[in-house]
Amino acid sequence: MNISNPYIFLFLAIIFGTTSNSFAKSAEGFTQWFPSVVSSITIILCMYALSNVMKTVPVGVTYASFAGLCIIATSVVGIIKFNQSPNFYTTVGLILIIIGVVMVNLLGKTES
């Protein structure tokens, strides 16, 4: 597997995870048919993509990167799609998540 492939799969996992989260909100407790189906399908695709990342990238790094970036992306969707406004502390927290993801990926040397 080419070194760039895990990060392509990670990007796809983030896209699918964010899509699933967005549609889960629209599903209103899975009472709305279309958003419920979209959320279910995209979470399955997300897990498939993550499992491919974990073939070459350590589990902790994979999940830390996925979770952090998915939180950021879902927050952006909340701002755009659901007109939600993060307060100062939420914004600082999101910035710290970004810093954490960068640290894990660039500075965290782990053994596979």
PDB file of N, CA and C in Angstrom:
ATOM      1  N   MET A   1       0.845  -1.180   0.000  1.00  0.00           N
ATOM      2  CA  MET A   1       0.000   0.000   0.000  1.00  0.00           C
ATOM      3  C   MET A   1       0.887   1.239   0.000  1.00  0.00           C
ATOM      4  N   ASN A   2       0.610   2.149  -0.863  1.00  0.00           N
ATOM      5  CA  ASN A   2       1.340   3.407  -0.968  1.00  0.00           C
ATOM      6  C   ASN A   2       1.142   4.222   0.309  1.00  0.00           C
ATOM      7  N   ILE A   3       2.171   4.975   0.730  1.00  0.00           N
ATOM      8  CA  ILE A   3       2.113   5.758   1.974  1.00  0.00           C
ATOM      9  C   ILE A   3       0.984   6.787   1.966  1.00  0.00           C
ATOM     10  N   SER A   4       0.602   7.293   0.799  1.00  0.00           N
ATOM     11  CA  SER A   4      -0.462   8.300   0.762  1.00  0.00           C
ATOM     12  C   SER A   4      -1.849   7.676   0.888  1.00  0.00           C
ATOM     13  N   ASN A   5      -1.993   6.404   0.574  1.00  0.00           N
ATOM     14  CA  ASN A   5      -3.311   5.769   0.625  1.00  0.00           C
ATOM     15  C   ASN A   5      -3.978   5.809   1.999  1.00  0.00           C
ATOM     16  N   PRO A   6      -3.254   5.567   3.103  1.00  0.00           N
ATOM     17  CA  PRO A   6      -3.953   5.637   4.393  1.00  0.00           C
ATOM     18  C   PRO A   6      -4.550   7.017   4.643  1.00  0.00           C
ATOM     19  N   TYR A   7      -3.882   8.054   4.184  1.00  0.00           N
ATOM     20  CA  TYR A   7      -4.390   9.396   4.425  1.00  0.00           C
ATOM     21  C   TYR A   7      -5.542   9.746   3.491  1.00  0.00           C
ATOM     22  N   ILE A   8      -5.588   9.112   2.345  1.00  0.00           N
ATOM     23  CA  ILE A   8      -6.769   9.254   1.476  1.00  0.00           C
ATOM     24  C   ILE A   8      -7.958   8.591   2.153  1.00  0.00           C
ATOM     25  N   PHE A   9      -7.732   7.382   2.705  1.00  0.00           N
ATOM     26  CA  PHE A   9      -8.806   6.701   3.434  1.00  0.00           C
ATOM     27  C   PHE A   9      -9.203   7.482   4.688  1.00  0.00           C
ATOM     28  N   LEU A  10      -8.239   8.109   5.360  1.00  0.00           N
ATOM     29  CA  LEU A  10      -8.559   8.917   6.538  1.00  0.00           C
ATOM     30  C   LEU A  10      -9.421  10.109   6.141  1.00  0.00           C
ATOM     31  N   PHE A  11      -9.075  10.756   5.047  1.00  0.00           N
ATOM     32  CA  PHE A  11      -9.873  11.869   4.543  1.00  0.00           C
ATOM     33  C   PHE A  11     -11.299  11.403   4.240  1.00  0.00           C
ATOM     34  N   LEU A  12     -11.429  10.257   3.585  1.00  0.00           N
ATOM     35  CA  LEU A  12     -12.762   9.721   3.282  1.00  0.00           C
ATOM     36  C   LEU A  12     -13.531   9.402   4.560  1.00  0.00           C
ATOM     37  N   ALA A  13     -12.839   8.833   5.551  1.00  0.00           N
ATOM     38  CA  ALA A  13     -13.498   8.515   6.824  1.00  0.00           C
ATOM     39  C   ALA A  13     -14.027   9.787   7.487  1.00  0.00           C
ATOM     40  N   ILE A  14     -13.248  10.859   7.423  1.00  0.00           N
ATOM     41  CA  ILE A  14     -13.685  12.129   8.009  1.00  0.00           C
ATOM     42  C   ILE A  14     -14.898  12.668   7.264  1.00  0.00           C
ATOM     43  N   ILE A  15     -14.867  12.588   5.936  1.00  0.00           N
ATOM     44  CA  ILE A  15     -16.013  13.054   5.138  1.00  0.00           C
ATOM     45  C   ILE A  15     -17.255  12.222   5.468  1.00  0.00           C
ATOM     46  N   PHE A  16     -17.107  10.893   5.465  1.00  0.00           N
ATOM     47  CA  PHE A  16     -18.259  10.029   5.761  1.00  0.00           C
ATOM     48  C   PHE A  16     -18.734  10.207   7.203  1.00  0.00           C
ATOM     49  N   GLY A  17     -17.810  10.337   8.151  1.00  0.00           N
ATOM     50  CA  GLY A  17     -18.185  10.542   9.555  1.00  0.00           C
ATOM     51  C   GLY A  17     -18.925  11.847   9.758  1.00  0.00           C
ATOM     52  N   THR A  18     -18.432  12.893   9.130  1.00  0.00           N
ATOM     53  CA  THR A  18     -19.080  14.196   9.233  1.00  0.00           C
ATOM     54  C   THR A  18     -20.467  14.170   8.593  1.00  0.00           C
ATOM     55  N   THR A  19     -20.564  13.509   7.452  1.00  0.00           N
ATOM     56  CA  THR A  19     -21.864  13.367   6.790  1.00  0.00           C
ATOM     57  C   THR A  19     -22.833  12.602   7.677  1.00  0.00           C
ATOM     58  N   SER A  20     -22.352  11.515   8.277  1.00  0.00           N
ATOM     59  CA  SER A  20     -23.200  10.722   9.163  1.00  0.00           C
ATOM     60  C   SER A  20     -23.682  11.551  10.349  1.00  0.00           C
ATOM     61  N   ASN A  21     -22.773  12.317  10.954  1.00  0.00           N
ATOM     62  CA  ASN A  21     -23.159  13.167  12.094  1.00  0.00           C
ATOM     63  C   ASN A  21     -24.193  14.209  11.692  1.00  0.00           C
ATOM     64  N   SER A  22     -23.990  14.820  10.550  1.00  0.00           N
ATOM     65  CA  SER A  22     -24.912  15.847  10.078  1.00  0.00           C
ATOM     66  C   SER A  22     -26.307  15.266   9.836  1.00  0.00           C
ATOM     67  N   PHE A  23     -26.351  14.131   9.177  1.00  0.00           N
ATOM     68  CA  PHE A  23     -27.652  13.521   8.898  1.00  0.00           C
ATOM     69  C   PHE A  23     -28.280  12.907  10.147  1.00  0.00           C
ATOM     70  N   ALA A  24     -27.458  12.512  11.130  1.00  0.00           N
ATOM     71  CA  ALA A  24     -28.012  11.997  12.385  1.00  0.00           C
ATOM     72  C   ALA A  24     -28.810  13.095  13.090  1.00  0.00           C
ATOM     73  N   LYS A  25     -28.304  14.326  13.038  1.00  0.00           N
ATOM     74  CA  LYS A  25     -29.059  15.447  13.620  1.00  0.00           C
ATOM     75  C   LYS A  25     -30.357  15.650  12.852  1.00  0.00           C
ATOM     76  N   SER A  26     -30.282  15.616  11.529  1.00  0.00           N
ATOM     77  CA  SER A  26     -31.482  15.806  10.704  1.00  0.00           C
ATOM     78  C   SER A  26     -32.474  14.655  10.850  1.00  0.00           C
ATOM     79  N   ALA A  27     -31.992  13.480  11.270  1.00  0.00           N
ATOM     80  CA  ALA A  27     -32.865  12.308  11.411  1.00  0.00           C
ATOM     81  C   ALA A  27     -33.804  12.423  12.608  1.00  0.00           C
ATOM     82  N   GLU A  28     -33.529  13.371  13.492  1.00  0.00           N
ATOM     83  CA  GLU A  28     -34.379  13.610  14.662  1.00  0.00           C
ATOM     84  C   GLU A  28     -34.677  12.325  15.428  1.00  0.00           C
ATOM     85  N   GLY A  29     -33.593  11.703  15.918  1.00  0.00           N
ATOM     86  CA  GLY A  29     -33.755  10.461  16.675  1.00  0.00           C
ATOM     87  C   GLY A  29     -34.134   9.283  15.794  1.00  0.00           C
ATOM     88  N   PHE A  30     -33.717   9.319  14.548  1.00  0.00           N
ATOM     89  CA  PHE A  30     -34.010   8.293  13.542  1.00  0.00           C
ATOM     90  C   PHE A  30     -35.511   8.115  13.321  1.00  0.00           C
ATOM     91  N   THR A  31     -36.222   9.239  13.390  1.00  0.00           N
ATOM     92  CA  THR A  31     -37.659   9.225  13.072  1.00  0.00           C
ATOM     93  C   THR A  31     -37.916   9.691  11.641  1.00  0.00           C
ATOM     94  N   GLN A  32     -36.918  10.286  11.019  1.00  0.00           N
ATOM     95  CA  GLN A  32     -37.031  10.735   9.628  1.00  0.00           C
ATOM     96  C   GLN A  32     -36.319   9.720   8.737  1.00  0.00           C
ATOM     97  N   TRP A  33     -37.033   9.174   7.770  1.00  0.00           N
ATOM     98  CA  TRP A  33     -36.543   8.063   6.972  1.00  0.00           C
ATOM     99  C   TRP A  33     -35.273   8.392   6.190  1.00  0.00           C
ATOM    100  N   PHE A  34     -35.289   9.388   5.332  1.00  0.00           N
ATOM    101  CA  PHE A  34     -34.152   9.662   4.444  1.00  0.00           C
ATOM    102  C   PHE A  34     -32.865   9.990   5.201  1.00  0.00           C
ATOM    103  N   PRO A  35     -32.882  10.943   6.143  1.00  0.00           N
ATOM    104  CA  PRO A  35     -31.634  11.221   6.850  1.00  0.00           C
ATOM    105  C   PRO A  35     -31.142  10.032   7.679  1.00  0.00           C
ATOM    106  N   SER A  36     -32.054   9.196   8.154  1.00  0.00           N
ATOM    107  CA  SER A  36     -31.664   8.004   8.913  1.00  0.00           C
ATOM    108  C   SER A  36     -30.902   7.021   8.040  1.00  0.00           C
ATOM    109  N   VAL A  37     -31.382   6.810   6.834  1.00  0.00           N
ATOM    110  CA  VAL A  37     -30.716   5.888   5.902  1.00  0.00           C
ATOM    111  C   VAL A  37     -29.350   6.442   5.498  1.00  0.00           C
ATOM    112  N   VAL A  38     -29.288   7.720   5.176  1.00  0.00           N
ATOM    113  CA  VAL A  38     -28.010   8.333   4.781  1.00  0.00           C
ATOM    114  C   VAL A  38     -27.005   8.236   5.929  1.00  0.00           C
ATOM    115  N   SER A  39     -27.454   8.534   7.146  1.00  0.00           N
ATOM    116  CA  SER A  39     -26.568   8.466   8.311  1.00  0.00           C
ATOM    117  C   SER A  39     -26.048   7.045   8.521  1.00  0.00           C
ATOM    118  N   SER A  40     -26.910   6.060   8.378  1.00  0.00           N
ATOM    119  CA  SER A  40     -26.513   4.661   8.562  1.00  0.00           C
ATOM    120  C   SER A  40     -25.507   4.208   7.507  1.00  0.00           C
ATOM    121  N   ILE A  41     -25.769   4.537   6.274  1.00  0.00           N
ATOM    122  CA  ILE A  41     -24.866   4.128   5.183  1.00  0.00           C
ATOM    123  C   ILE A  41     -23.513   4.814   5.318  1.00  0.00           C
ATOM    124  N   THR A  42     -23.513   6.100   5.623  1.00  0.00           N
ATOM    125  CA  THR A  42     -22.237   6.809   5.692  1.00  0.00           C
ATOM    126  C   THR A  42     -21.405   6.391   6.899  1.00  0.00           C
ATOM    127  N   ILE A  43     -22.030   5.977   8.000  1.00  0.00           N
ATOM    128  CA  ILE A  43     -21.227   5.515   9.139  1.00  0.00           C
ATOM    129  C   ILE A  43     -20.585   4.167   8.824  1.00  0.00           C
ATOM    130  N   ILE A  44     -21.266   3.336   8.053  1.00  0.00           N
ATOM    131  CA  ILE A  44     -20.667   2.064   7.619  1.00  0.00           C
ATOM    132  C   ILE A  44     -19.482   2.336   6.697  1.00  0.00           C
ATOM    133  N   LEU A  45     -19.645   3.248   5.756  1.00  0.00           N
ATOM    134  CA  LEU A  45     -18.535   3.615   4.861  1.00  0.00           C
ATOM    135  C   LEU A  45     -17.373   4.228   5.646  1.00  0.00           C
ATOM    136  N   CYS A  46     -17.701   5.007   6.657  1.00  0.00           N
ATOM    137  CA  CYS A  46     -16.686   5.612   7.519  1.00  0.00           C
ATOM    138  C   CYS A  46     -15.860   4.531   8.218  1.00  0.00           C
ATOM    139  N   MET A  47     -16.519   3.548   8.784  1.00  0.00           N
ATOM    140  CA  MET A  47     -15.813   2.468   9.485  1.00  0.00           C
ATOM    141  C   MET A  47     -14.964   1.636   8.522  1.00  0.00           C
ATOM    142  N   TYR A  48     -15.464   1.442   7.300  1.00  0.00           N
ATOM    143  CA  TYR A  48     -14.677   0.732   6.287  1.00  0.00           C
ATOM    144  C   TYR A  48     -13.391   1.505   5.974  1.00  0.00           C
ATOM    145  N   ALA A  49     -13.524   2.815   5.772  1.00  0.00           N
ATOM    146  CA  ALA A  49     -12.352   3.640   5.471  1.00  0.00           C
ATOM    147  C   ALA A  49     -11.379   3.630   6.651  1.00  0.00           C
ATOM    148  N   LEU A  50     -11.888   3.749   7.879  1.00  0.00           N
ATOM    149  CA  LEU A  50     -11.011   3.727   9.048  1.00  0.00           C
ATOM    150  C   LEU A  50     -10.272   2.401   9.181  1.00  0.00           C
ATOM    151  N   SER A  51     -10.951   1.307   8.896  1.00  0.00           N
ATOM    152  CA  SER A  51     -10.285   0.003   8.998  1.00  0.00           C
ATOM    153  C   SER A  51      -9.140  -0.114   7.997  1.00  0.00           C
ATOM    154  N   ASN A  52      -9.259   0.541   6.860  1.00  0.00           N
ATOM    155  CA  ASN A  52      -8.171   0.542   5.883  1.00  0.00           C
ATOM    156  C   ASN A  52      -6.999   1.402   6.350  1.00  0.00           C
ATOM    157  N   VAL A  53      -7.288   2.486   7.035  1.00  0.00           N
ATOM    158  CA  VAL A  53      -6.215   3.327   7.579  1.00  0.00           C
ATOM    159  C   VAL A  53      -5.425   2.529   8.609  1.00  0.00           C
ATOM    160  N   MET A  54      -6.138   1.780   9.449  1.00  0.00           N
ATOM    161  CA  MET A  54      -5.503   1.052  10.543  1.00  0.00           C
ATOM    162  C   MET A  54      -4.630  -0.113  10.085  1.00  0.00           C
ATOM    163  N   LYS A  55      -4.654  -0.417   8.806  1.00  0.00           N
ATOM    164  CA  LYS A  55      -3.746  -1.439   8.273  1.00  0.00           C
ATOM    165  C   LYS A  55      -2.296  -0.981   8.364  1.00  0.00           C
ATOM    166  N   THR A  56      -2.075   0.342   8.264  1.00  0.00           N
ATOM    167  CA  THR A  56      -0.699   0.849   8.246  1.00  0.00           C
ATOM    168  C   THR A  56      -0.415   1.917   9.302  1.00  0.00           C
ATOM    169  N   VAL A  57      -1.417   2.610   9.769  1.00  0.00           N
ATOM    170  CA  VAL A  57      -1.219   3.667  10.762  1.00  0.00           C
ATOM    171  C   VAL A  57      -1.673   3.117  12.114  1.00  0.00           C
ATOM    172  N   PRO A  58      -0.902   3.354  13.185  1.00  0.00           N
ATOM    173  CA  PRO A  58      -1.311   2.837  14.504  1.00  0.00           C
ATOM    174  C   PRO A  58      -2.724   3.272  14.879  1.00  0.00           C
ATOM    175  N   VAL A  59      -3.412   2.411  15.610  1.00  0.00           N
ATOM    176  CA  VAL A  59      -4.812   2.645  15.979  1.00  0.00           C
ATOM    177  C   VAL A  59      -4.984   3.976  16.717  1.00  0.00           C
ATOM    178  N   GLY A  60      -4.123   4.265  17.676  1.00  0.00           N
ATOM    179  CA  GLY A  60      -4.249   5.495  18.452  1.00  0.00           C
ATOM    180  C   GLY A  60      -4.115   6.747  17.600  1.00  0.00           C
ATOM    181  N   VAL A  61      -3.141   6.733  16.701  1.00  0.00           N
ATOM    182  CA  VAL A  61      -2.937   7.879  15.808  1.00  0.00           C
ATOM    183  C   VAL A  61      -4.119   8.010  14.852  1.00  0.00           C
ATOM    184  N   THR A  62      -4.567   6.882  14.326  1.00  0.00           N
ATOM    185  CA  THR A  62      -5.711   6.894  13.412  1.00  0.00           C
ATOM    186  C   THR A  62      -6.933   7.495  14.084  1.00  0.00           C
ATOM    187  N   TYR A  63      -7.265   6.971  15.252  1.00  0.00           N
ATOM    188  CA  TYR A  63      -8.502   7.408  15.881  1.00  0.00           C
ATOM    189  C   TYR A  63      -8.394   8.832  16.417  1.00  0.00           C
ATOM    190  N   ALA A  64      -7.232   9.211  16.943  1.00  0.00           N
ATOM    191  CA  ALA A  64      -7.058  10.586  17.414  1.00  0.00           C
ATOM    192  C   ALA A  64      -7.222  11.564  16.251  1.00  0.00           C
ATOM    193  N   SER A  65      -6.625  11.233  15.116  1.00  0.00           N
ATOM    194  CA  SER A  65      -6.725  12.096  13.941  1.00  0.00           C
ATOM    195  C   SER A  65      -8.159  12.148  13.434  1.00  0.00           C
ATOM    196  N   PHE A  66      -8.770  10.977  13.301  1.00  0.00           N
ATOM    197  CA  PHE A  66     -10.143  10.903  12.808  1.00  0.00           C
ATOM    198  C   PHE A  66     -11.094  11.666  13.726  1.00  0.00           C
ATOM    199  N   ALA A  67     -11.048  11.362  15.014  1.00  0.00           N
ATOM    200  CA  ALA A  67     -11.993  11.970  15.949  1.00  0.00           C
ATOM    201  C   ALA A  67     -11.821  13.487  15.996  1.00  0.00           C
ATOM    202  N   GLY A  68     -10.581  13.930  16.098  1.00  0.00           N
ATOM    203  CA  GLY A  68     -10.339  15.369  16.177  1.00  0.00           C
ATOM    204  C   GLY A  68     -10.803  16.106  14.941  1.00  0.00           C
ATOM    205  N   LEU A  69     -10.416  15.595  13.781  1.00  0.00           N
ATOM    206  CA  LEU A  69     -10.784  16.282  12.539  1.00  0.00           C
ATOM    207  C   LEU A  69     -12.273  16.155  12.234  1.00  0.00           C
ATOM    208  N   CYS A  70     -12.864  15.046  12.648  1.00  0.00           N
ATOM    209  CA  CYS A  70     -14.304  14.886  12.446  1.00  0.00           C
ATOM    210  C   CYS A  70     -15.079  15.861  13.355  1.00  0.00           C
ATOM    211  N   ILE A  71     -14.579  16.084  14.564  1.00  0.00           N
ATOM    212  CA  ILE A  71     -15.199  17.070  15.453  1.00  0.00           C
ATOM    213  C   ILE A  71     -15.140  18.456  14.831  1.00  0.00           C
ATOM    214  N   ILE A  72     -13.981  18.814  14.294  1.00  0.00           N
ATOM    215  CA  ILE A  72     -13.825  20.129  13.671  1.00  0.00           C
ATOM    216  C   ILE A  72     -14.775  20.260  12.475  1.00  0.00           C
ATOM    217  N   ALA A  73     -14.769  19.241  11.606  1.00  0.00           N
ATOM    218  CA  ALA A  73     -15.620  19.290  10.406  1.00  0.00           C
ATOM    219  C   ALA A  73     -17.102  19.333  10.774  1.00  0.00           C
ATOM    220  N   THR A  74     -17.499  18.559  11.778  1.00  0.00           N
ATOM    221  CA  THR A  74     -18.896  18.553  12.205  1.00  0.00           C
ATOM    222  C   THR A  74     -19.276  19.902  12.813  1.00  0.00           C
ATOM    223  N   SER A  75     -18.356  20.529  13.513  1.00  0.00           N
ATOM    224  CA  SER A  75     -18.614  21.865  14.058  1.00  0.00           C
ATOM    225  C   SER A  75     -18.825  22.883  12.946  1.00  0.00           C
ATOM    226  N   VAL A  76     -18.028  22.784  11.889  1.00  0.00           N
ATOM    227  CA  VAL A  76     -18.183  23.681  10.743  1.00  0.00           C
ATOM    228  C   VAL A  76     -19.538  23.453  10.076  1.00  0.00           C
ATOM    229  N   VAL A  77     -19.933  22.184   9.941  1.00  0.00           N
ATOM    230  CA  VAL A  77     -21.257  21.882   9.371  1.00  0.00           C
ATOM    231  C   VAL A  77     -22.348  22.473  10.257  1.00  0.00           C
ATOM    232  N   GLY A  78     -22.183  22.374  11.575  1.00  0.00           N
ATOM    233  CA  GLY A  78     -23.164  22.955  12.498  1.00  0.00           C
ATOM    234  C   GLY A  78     -23.300  24.453  12.316  1.00  0.00           C
ATOM    235  N   ILE A  79     -22.179  25.104  12.076  1.00  0.00           N
ATOM    236  CA  ILE A  79     -22.200  26.554  11.866  1.00  0.00           C
ATOM    237  C   ILE A  79     -22.912  26.893  10.564  1.00  0.00           C
ATOM    238  N   ILE A  80     -22.577  26.161   9.499  1.00  0.00           N
ATOM    239  CA  ILE A  80     -23.120  26.469   8.171  1.00  0.00           C
ATOM    240  C   ILE A  80     -24.553  25.967   7.998  1.00  0.00           C
ATOM    241  N   LYS A  81     -24.779  24.688   8.307  1.00  0.00           N
ATOM    242  CA  LYS A  81     -26.073  24.069   8.018  1.00  0.00           C
ATOM    243  C   LYS A  81     -27.139  24.351   9.081  1.00  0.00           C
ATOM    244  N   PHE A  82     -26.726  24.371  10.345  1.00  0.00           N
ATOM    245  CA  PHE A  82     -27.696  24.496  11.427  1.00  0.00           C
ATOM    246  C   PHE A  82     -27.646  25.864  12.120  1.00  0.00           C
ATOM    247  N   ASN A  83     -26.847  26.786  11.560  1.00  0.00           N
ATOM    248  CA  ASN A  83     -26.766  28.157  12.072  1.00  0.00           C
ATOM    249  C   ASN A  83     -26.394  28.214  13.554  1.00  0.00           C
ATOM    250  N   GLN A  84     -25.471  27.332  13.961  1.00  0.00           N
ATOM    251  CA  GLN A  84     -25.012  27.299  15.344  1.00  0.00           C
ATOM    252  C   GLN A  84     -23.767  28.170  15.475  1.00  0.00           C
ATOM    253  N   SER A  85     -23.664  28.883  16.566  1.00  0.00           N
ATOM    254  CA  SER A  85     -22.525  29.774  16.783  1.00  0.00           C
ATOM    255  C   SER A  85     -21.740  29.318  18.005  1.00  0.00           C
ATOM    256  N   PRO A  86     -20.484  28.900  17.805  1.00  0.00           N
ATOM    257  CA  PRO A  86     -19.678  28.513  18.971  1.00  0.00           C
ATOM    258  C   PRO A  86     -19.273  29.743  19.777  1.00  0.00           C
ATOM    259  N   ASN A  87     -19.234  29.597  21.098  1.00  0.00           N
ATOM    260  CA  ASN A  87     -18.787  30.713  21.925  1.00  0.00           C
ATOM    261  C   ASN A  87     -17.256  30.703  22.008  1.00  0.00           C
ATOM    262  N   PHE A  88     -16.702  31.620  22.765  1.00  0.00           N
ATOM    263  CA  PHE A  88     -15.250  31.769  22.875  1.00  0.00           C
ATOM    264  C   PHE A  88     -14.591  30.475  23.339  1.00  0.00           C
ATOM    265  N   TYR A  89     -15.131  29.861  24.381  1.00  0.00           N
ATOM    266  CA  TYR A  89     -14.516  28.661  24.953  1.00  0.00           C
ATOM    267  C   TYR A  89     -14.598  27.474  24.002  1.00  0.00           C
ATOM    268  N   THR A  90     -15.682  27.368  23.276  1.00  0.00           N
ATOM    269  CA  THR A  90     -15.801  26.316  22.265  1.00  0.00           C
ATOM    270  C   THR A  90     -14.762  26.516  21.179  1.00  0.00           C
ATOM    271  N   THR A  91     -14.593  27.751  20.739  1.00  0.00           N
ATOM    272  CA  THR A  91     -13.600  28.056  19.708  1.00  0.00           C
ATOM    273  C   THR A  91     -12.193  27.720  20.184  1.00  0.00           C
ATOM    274  N   VAL A  92     -11.864  28.087  21.419  1.00  0.00           N
ATOM    275  CA  VAL A  92     -10.547  27.759  21.978  1.00  0.00           C
ATOM    276  C   VAL A  92     -10.372  26.246  22.043  1.00  0.00           C
ATOM    277  N   GLY A  93     -11.393  25.533  22.483  1.00  0.00           N
ATOM    278  CA  GLY A  93     -11.339  24.073  22.546  1.00  0.00           C
ATOM    279  C   GLY A  93     -11.106  23.443  21.182  1.00  0.00           C
ATOM    280  N   LEU A  94     -11.788  23.955  20.161  1.00  0.00           N
ATOM    281  CA  LEU A  94     -11.609  23.437  18.802  1.00  0.00           C
ATOM    282  C   LEU A  94     -10.195  23.706  18.291  1.00  0.00           C
ATOM    283  N   ILE A  95      -9.658  24.865  18.625  1.00  0.00           N
ATOM    284  CA  ILE A  95      -8.277  25.177  18.234  1.00  0.00           C
ATOM    285  C   ILE A  95      -7.307  24.213  18.923  1.00  0.00           C
ATOM    286  N   LEU A  96      -7.555  23.917  20.196  1.00  0.00           N
ATOM    287  CA  LEU A  96      -6.704  22.955  20.912  1.00  0.00           C
ATOM    288  C   LEU A  96      -6.792  21.551  20.301  1.00  0.00           C
ATOM    289  N   ILE A  97      -7.969  21.177  19.819  1.00  0.00           N
ATOM    290  CA  ILE A  97      -8.109  19.888  19.128  1.00  0.00           C
ATOM    291  C   ILE A  97      -7.238  19.865  17.878  1.00  0.00           C
ATOM    292  N   ILE A  98      -7.271  20.938  17.104  1.00  0.00           N
ATOM    293  CA  ILE A  98      -6.442  21.018  15.895  1.00  0.00           C
ATOM    294  C   ILE A  98      -4.964  20.900  16.260  1.00  0.00           C
ATOM    295  N   ILE A  99      -4.547  21.619  17.303  1.00  0.00           N
ATOM    296  CA  ILE A  99      -3.156  21.539  17.746  1.00  0.00           C
ATOM    297  C   ILE A  99      -2.820  20.107  18.161  1.00  0.00           C
ATOM    298  N   GLY A 100      -3.729  19.455  18.858  1.00  0.00           N
ATOM    299  CA  GLY A 100      -3.511  18.075  19.277  1.00  0.00           C
ATOM    300  C   GLY A 100      -3.354  17.120  18.101  1.00  0.00           C
ATOM    301  N   VAL A 101      -4.189  17.275  17.091  1.00  0.00           N
ATOM    302  CA  VAL A 101      -4.087  16.414  15.897  1.00  0.00           C
ATOM    303  C   VAL A 101      -2.752  16.632  15.205  1.00  0.00           C
ATOM    304  N   VAL A 102      -2.333  17.881  15.093  1.00  0.00           N
ATOM    305  CA  VAL A 102      -1.039  18.172  14.463  1.00  0.00           C
ATOM    306  C   VAL A 102       0.093  17.549  15.275  1.00  0.00           C
ATOM    307  N   MET A 103       0.028  17.672  16.593  1.00  0.00           N
ATOM    308  CA  MET A 103       1.074  17.098  17.440  1.00  0.00           C
ATOM    309  C   MET A 103       1.136  15.583  17.315  1.00  0.00           C
ATOM    310  N   VAL A 104      -0.009  14.936  17.340  1.00  0.00           N
ATOM    311  CA  VAL A 104      -0.045  13.481  17.229  1.00  0.00           C
ATOM    312  C   VAL A 104       0.567  13.016  15.906  1.00  0.00           C
ATOM    313  N   ASN A 105       0.251  13.713  14.843  1.00  0.00           N
ATOM    314  CA  ASN A 105       0.718  13.287  13.520  1.00  0.00           C
ATOM    315  C   ASN A 105       2.154  13.686  13.201  1.00  0.00           C
ATOM    316  N   LEU A 106       2.585  14.832  13.668  1.00  0.00           N
ATOM    317  CA  LEU A 106       3.927  15.310  13.313  1.00  0.00           C
ATOM    318  C   LEU A 106       4.963  15.009  14.383  1.00  0.00           C
ATOM    319  N   LEU A 107       4.573  15.008  15.638  1.00  0.00           N
ATOM    320  CA  LEU A 107       5.538  14.860  16.711  1.00  0.00           C
ATOM    321  C   LEU A 107       5.461  13.542  17.438  1.00  0.00           C
ATOM    322  N   GLY A 108       4.307  12.875  17.357  1.00  0.00           N
ATOM    323  CA  GLY A 108       4.115  11.622  18.073  1.00  0.00           C
ATOM    324  C   GLY A 108       4.687  10.456  17.293  1.00  0.00           C
ATOM    325  N   LYS A 109       5.812   9.958  17.758  1.00  0.00           N
ATOM    326  CA  LYS A 109       6.428   8.795  17.112  1.00  0.00           C
ATOM    327  C   LYS A 109       5.998   7.552  17.881  1.00  0.00           C
ATOM    328  N   THR A 110       5.220   6.713  17.214  1.00  0.00           N
ATOM    329  CA  THR A 110       4.770   5.472  17.846  1.00  0.00           C
ATOM    330  C   THR A 110       5.257   4.288  17.044  1.00  0.00           C
ATOM    331  N   GLU A 111       5.387   3.181  17.728  1.00  0.00           N
ATOM    332  CA  GLU A 111       5.779   1.938  17.068  1.00  0.00           C
ATOM    333  C   GLU A 111       4.518   1.197  16.646  1.00  0.00           C
ATOM    334  N   SER A 112       4.516   0.617  15.450  1.00  0.00           N
ATOM    335  CA  SER A 112       3.343  -0.132  14.970  1.00  0.00           C
ATOM    336  C   SER A 112       3.296  -1.486  15.608  1.00  0.00           C
TER     337      SER A 112
END
